[in-house]
């Protein structure tokens, strides 16, 4: 894994600023022209309430509601854009879509508005994805998110606060976890250097690994040669050999005798 994967760009700040600023512009239009955007929120199990799947993250009840969502949204979008730039657009779009659909299915019969569902998508995705990659910087990011926003987990349960949409929070949390499994971050995967790191590695087929048993103890796999104590072990043969003895004739080569 190369740490150069983390590169700062204008999008790291630009995307969160634009998104949060857009929320404030929507709220300004709402109070300036006295528009009733609440009816564009998610109304569960009602066909007309499906419009809120797209519109509800941009609608807020009051200034306090908008302010409480703006700060964590800015922080989490910045972290997402810096550490997961390739997946950030899909996380935002699919996060809004699927968390809204879950809210529409399980929600109480009332209008559900606010960007808190998207916040839970980001918290859930950043936490689970960092743990899954096992890369130390992303794991540290996951722990930082839990340190800052870990207390939000209580608001995915019913009856903690009747005034909030726990259904939207739960939908966002489930969506973030699902997206962490769907999106693969191959750029943060450790490169395979050795054969034993490959997923199809079979220790029984490796010459070195065969020297160790299941408990890691060294085992001598060499088969010693059997020694034969018989004195004539190297002279026994089943092949019949016939010897023919002939008398050679001397050849006169002067004073020396040559035999053919």
Protein backbone atom coordinates (compact mmCIF):
# COMPACT_ATOMS: atom_id res chain seq x y z
CA UNK A 1 0.00 0.00 0.00
CA UNK A 2 1.36 3.39 -1.06
CA UNK A 3 0.57 6.36 1.18
CA UNK A 4 0.55 8.56 -1.93
CA UNK A 5 -3.05 7.41 -2.44
CA UNK A 6 -4.05 10.22 -0.08
CA UNK A 7 -3.91 13.41 -2.12
CA UNK A 8 -5.43 16.72 -1.19
CA UNK A 9 -7.50 18.44 -3.86
CA UNK A 10 -9.96 21.30 -4.02
CA UNK A 11 -12.80 18.75 -3.99
CA UNK A 12 -11.86 17.73 -0.44
CA UNK A 13 -13.10 21.11 0.80
CA UNK A 14 -15.24 22.12 -2.17
CA UNK A 15 -17.74 19.24 -2.01
CA UNK A 16 -18.54 19.61 1.73
CA UNK A 17 -18.75 23.42 1.47
CA UNK A 18 -21.06 23.25 -1.54
CA UNK A 19 -23.31 20.61 0.04
CA UNK A 20 -23.66 22.38 3.39
CA UNK A 21 -24.09 25.77 1.73
CA UNK A 22 -26.83 24.33 -0.45
CA UNK A 23 -28.71 23.23 2.69
CA UNK A 24 -28.51 26.74 4.08
CA UNK A 25 -29.73 28.26 0.81
CA UNK A 26 -32.73 25.90 0.80
CA UNK A 27 -33.54 26.87 4.37
CA UNK A 28 -33.18 30.60 3.55
CA UNK A 29 -35.62 30.20 0.63
CA UNK A 30 -38.01 28.38 2.94
CA UNK A 31 -38.17 31.12 5.57
CA UNK A 32 -37.77 34.03 3.16
CA UNK A 33 -40.71 33.12 0.95
CA UNK A 34 -42.63 31.19 3.60
CA UNK A 35 -42.58 27.93 1.68
CA UNK A 36 -43.87 24.82 3.38
CA UNK A 37 -41.24 22.26 2.39
CA UNK A 38 -42.18 19.88 5.19
CA UNK A 39 -44.76 18.18 3.02
CA UNK A 40 -41.95 17.21 0.65
CA UNK A 41 -40.42 14.99 3.29
CA UNK A 42 -40.71 11.22 3.51
CA UNK A 43 -44.19 10.02 4.40
CA UNK A 44 -43.93 6.26 5.00
CA UNK A 45 -45.88 3.79 2.89
CA UNK A 46 -47.60 6.51 0.92
CA UNK A 47 -46.91 6.78 -2.81
CA UNK A 48 -46.74 10.58 -2.73
CA UNK A 49 -44.37 10.33 0.24
CA UNK A 50 -41.72 8.71 -1.97
CA UNK A 51 -40.70 12.16 -3.19
CA UNK A 52 -39.15 12.70 0.21
CA UNK A 53 -36.54 10.03 -0.53
CA UNK A 54 -34.82 12.63 -2.69
CA UNK A 55 -35.95 15.86 -1.03
CA UNK A 56 -35.94 15.15 2.71
CA UNK A 57 -32.14 15.48 3.31
CA UNK A 58 -32.34 19.10 2.16
CA UNK A 59 -35.31 20.12 4.37
CA UNK A 60 -34.91 21.15 8.01
CA UNK A 61 -37.40 22.17 10.64
CA UNK A 62 -35.58 25.14 12.15
CA UNK A 63 -32.20 26.81 12.46
CA UNK A 64 -31.08 24.59 15.35
CA UNK A 65 -31.92 21.47 13.35
CA UNK A 66 -29.92 22.74 10.39
CA UNK A 67 -26.97 23.83 12.52
CA UNK A 68 -26.74 20.49 14.34
CA UNK A 69 -26.59 18.65 11.01
CA UNK A 70 -24.23 21.05 9.24
CA UNK A 71 -21.11 20.55 11.37
CA UNK A 72 -20.97 16.71 11.37
CA UNK A 73 -21.99 16.69 7.71
CA UNK A 74 -19.09 18.97 6.81
CA UNK A 75 -16.56 16.95 8.84
CA UNK A 76 -17.70 13.57 7.53
CA UNK A 77 -17.94 14.68 3.89
CA UNK A 78 -14.41 16.08 4.12
CA UNK A 79 -13.09 12.78 5.50
CA UNK A 80 -15.00 10.83 2.85
CA UNK A 81 -13.71 12.98 0.01
CA UNK A 82 -10.09 12.77 1.20
CA UNK A 83 -9.84 9.08 2.07
CA UNK A 84 -12.39 7.63 -0.37
CA UNK A 85 -12.46 10.04 -3.34
CA UNK A 86 -13.33 7.34 -5.90
CA UNK A 87 -16.34 6.16 -3.92
CA UNK A 88 -17.57 9.47 -2.48
CA UNK A 89 -20.15 10.35 -5.15
CA UNK A 90 -21.70 6.88 -5.06
CA UNK A 91 -21.78 6.88 -1.25
CA UNK A 92 -23.65 10.20 -1.17
CA UNK A 93 -26.15 9.37 -3.93
CA UNK A 94 -26.86 5.78 -2.95
CA UNK A 95 -26.78 6.73 0.71
CA UNK A 96 -29.57 9.25 0.24
CA UNK A 97 -31.58 6.87 -1.93
CA UNK A 98 -31.44 3.67 0.12
CA UNK A 99 -31.61 5.27 3.56
CA UNK A 100 -34.70 7.13 2.37
CA UNK A 101 -36.32 3.97 1.05
CA UNK A 102 -35.72 2.15 4.33
CA UNK A 103 -37.26 5.08 6.21
CA UNK A 104 -40.25 5.02 3.86
CA UNK A 105 -40.76 1.32 4.60
CA UNK A 106 -40.33 1.24 8.40
CA UNK A 107 -41.11 4.82 9.42
CA UNK A 108 -43.96 6.08 11.56
CA UNK A 109 -46.81 7.84 9.75
CA UNK A 110 -45.35 11.33 9.82
CA UNK A 111 -43.11 13.54 7.69
CA UNK A 112 -39.42 12.65 8.07
CA UNK A 113 -36.99 15.44 7.15
CA UNK A 114 -33.36 16.37 7.69
CA UNK A 115 -29.86 15.29 6.63
CA UNK A 116 -29.30 13.14 9.72
CA UNK A 117 -29.97 9.97 7.70
CA UNK A 118 -27.05 10.84 5.40
CA UNK A 119 -24.87 11.57 8.44
CA UNK A 120 -25.52 8.07 9.73
CA UNK A 121 -24.67 6.69 6.29
CA UNK A 122 -21.28 8.43 6.41
CA UNK A 123 -20.52 7.42 10.00
CA UNK A 124 -21.40 3.80 9.30
CA UNK A 125 -19.51 3.59 6.01
CA UNK A 126 -16.31 5.24 7.25
CA UNK A 127 -16.23 3.11 10.40
CA UNK A 128 -16.91 -0.28 8.82
CA UNK A 129 -14.85 0.32 5.69
CA UNK A 130 -11.79 1.31 7.70
CA UNK A 131 -12.02 -1.86 9.78
CA UNK A 132 -12.47 -4.00 6.67
CA UNK A 133 -9.41 -2.60 4.87
CA UNK A 134 -7.17 -3.26 7.92
CA UNK A 135 -5.00 -0.37 6.76
CA UNK A 136 -3.70 1.47 9.79
CA UNK A 137 -4.61 4.98 8.63
CA UNK A 138 -8.17 4.02 7.76
CA UNK A 139 -8.52 2.07 10.99
CA UNK A 140 -7.37 5.20 12.85
CA UNK A 141 -10.02 7.17 10.93
CA UNK A 142 -12.67 4.65 11.97
CA UNK A 143 -11.69 4.99 15.62
CA UNK A 144 -11.72 8.78 15.32
CA UNK A 145 -15.25 8.70 13.92
CA UNK A 146 -16.39 6.50 16.80
CA UNK A 147 -14.71 8.84 19.27
CA UNK A 148 -16.50 11.87 17.82
CA UNK A 149 -19.88 10.42 16.90
CA UNK A 150 -20.10 7.10 18.70
CA UNK A 151 -22.84 8.44 20.96
CA UNK A 152 -25.11 8.73 17.94
CA UNK A 153 -25.63 4.98 17.96
CA UNK A 154 -28.28 5.33 20.67
CA UNK A 155 -30.51 7.31 18.35
CA UNK A 156 -31.11 4.35 16.04
CA UNK A 157 -33.31 2.77 18.72
CA UNK A 158 -37.00 3.61 19.31
CA UNK A 159 -38.21 5.62 22.31
CA UNK A 160 -34.86 7.32 22.95
CA UNK A 161 -36.31 10.59 21.70
CA UNK A 162 -39.81 10.67 20.27
CA UNK A 163 -39.09 13.94 18.44
CA UNK A 164 -36.41 12.48 16.18
CA UNK A 165 -36.65 10.08 13.25
CA UNK A 166 -34.89 7.03 14.61
CA UNK A 167 -36.12 5.21 11.51
CA UNK A 168 -34.07 7.55 9.32
CA UNK A 169 -31.03 7.05 11.54
CA UNK A 170 -31.40 3.28 11.44
CA UNK A 171 -31.90 3.34 7.68
CA UNK A 172 -28.73 5.40 7.26
CA UNK A 173 -26.72 3.12 9.52
CA UNK A 174 -27.83 -0.01 7.64
CA UNK A 175 -27.18 1.65 4.28
CA UNK A 176 -23.67 2.72 5.28
CA UNK A 177 -22.80 -0.80 6.35
CA UNK A 178 -24.17 -2.25 3.12
CA UNK A 179 -22.21 0.24 1.01
CA UNK A 180 -19.01 -0.62 2.90
CA UNK A 181 -19.45 -4.21 1.71
CA UNK A 182 -20.42 -3.23 -1.82
CA UNK A 183 -17.61 -0.80 -2.59
CA UNK A 184 -14.20 -2.43 -2.95
CA UNK A 185 -11.11 -0.38 -2.17
CA UNK A 186 -8.44 -2.32 -4.05
CA UNK A 187 -6.09 0.67 -3.84
CA UNK A 188 -5.78 0.05 -0.10
CA UNK A 189 -5.11 -3.69 -0.44
CA UNK A 190 -1.65 -4.90 0.43
CA UNK A 191 0.22 -6.18 -2.66
CA UNK A 192 0.86 -9.93 -2.86
CA UNK A 193 4.61 -10.58 -2.68
CA UNK A 194 4.91 -14.16 -1.50
CA UNK A 195 3.13 -17.30 -2.63
CA UNK A 196 1.74 -17.93 0.86
CA UNK A 197 -0.18 -14.63 0.64
CA UNK A 198 -2.24 -15.88 -2.29
CA UNK A 199 -5.80 -17.00 -1.43
CA UNK A 200 -5.36 -20.32 -3.27
CA UNK A 201 -2.08 -21.19 -1.50
CA UNK A 202 -1.93 -24.87 -0.46
CA UNK A 203 0.68 -25.55 2.27
CA UNK A 204 0.62 -29.25 1.50
CA UNK A 205 2.02 -28.56 -1.97
CA UNK A 206 4.83 -26.32 -0.77
CA UNK A 207 8.22 -28.03 -0.28
CA UNK A 208 9.16 -25.81 2.65
CA UNK A 209 5.83 -25.97 4.50
CA UNK A 210 5.82 -29.77 4.37
CA UNK A 211 8.65 -29.69 6.93
CA UNK A 212 6.18 -28.49 9.62
CA UNK A 213 3.20 -30.18 11.21
CA UNK A 214 -0.13 -28.56 12.16
CA UNK A 215 1.36 -27.25 15.44
CA UNK A 216 4.30 -25.62 13.70
CA UNK A 217 6.84 -28.23 14.83
CA UNK A 218 9.67 -29.18 12.48
CA UNK A 219 9.28 -32.59 10.90
CA UNK A 220 12.05 -34.38 9.02
CA UNK A 221 10.48 -35.51 5.77
CA UNK A 222 13.63 -37.06 4.25
CA UNK A 223 13.49 -40.85 3.89
CA UNK A 224 16.81 -42.44 4.97
CA UNK A 225 18.35 -45.00 2.65
CA UNK A 226 18.24 -48.59 3.87
CA UNK A 227 21.64 -50.18 4.43
CA UNK A 228 22.31 -53.79 3.38
CA UNK A 229 24.59 -55.63 5.80
CA UNK A 230 25.24 -58.63 3.54
CA UNK A 231 28.88 -58.87 2.42
CA UNK A 232 28.01 -59.85 -1.15
CA UNK A 233 25.27 -57.28 -1.68
CA UNK A 234 27.08 -55.70 -4.59
CA UNK A 235 27.99 -59.04 -6.29
CA UNK A 236 24.63 -60.73 -6.58
CA UNK A 237 23.07 -60.76 -10.03
CA UNK A 238 20.37 -62.67 -11.85
CA UNK A 239 22.03 -62.17 -15.25
CA UNK A 240 23.80 -65.24 -16.68
CA UNK A 241 27.25 -64.41 -18.06
CA UNK A 242 29.10 -66.90 -20.38
CA UNK A 243 32.85 -66.57 -20.60
CA UNK A 244 34.81 -67.93 -23.64
CA UNK A 245 38.58 -68.42 -23.21
CA UNK A 246 40.78 -68.55 -26.35
CA UNK A 247 44.52 -68.85 -26.78
CA UNK A 248 46.13 -65.92 -28.52
CA UNK A 249 48.86 -66.29 -31.18
CA UNK A 250 52.20 -64.48 -30.79
CA UNK A 251 53.19 -62.01 -33.53
CA UNK A 252 56.82 -61.47 -34.31
CA UNK A 253 57.59 -57.80 -33.99
CA UNK A 254 61.28 -57.92 -33.62
CA UNK A 255 62.49 -58.40 -30.14
CA UNK A 256 59.13 -57.55 -28.63
CA UNK A 257 56.15 -59.81 -28.42
CA UNK A 258 52.70 -58.51 -29.28
CA UNK A 259 49.55 -60.37 -28.56
CA UNK A 260 46.28 -59.89 -30.31
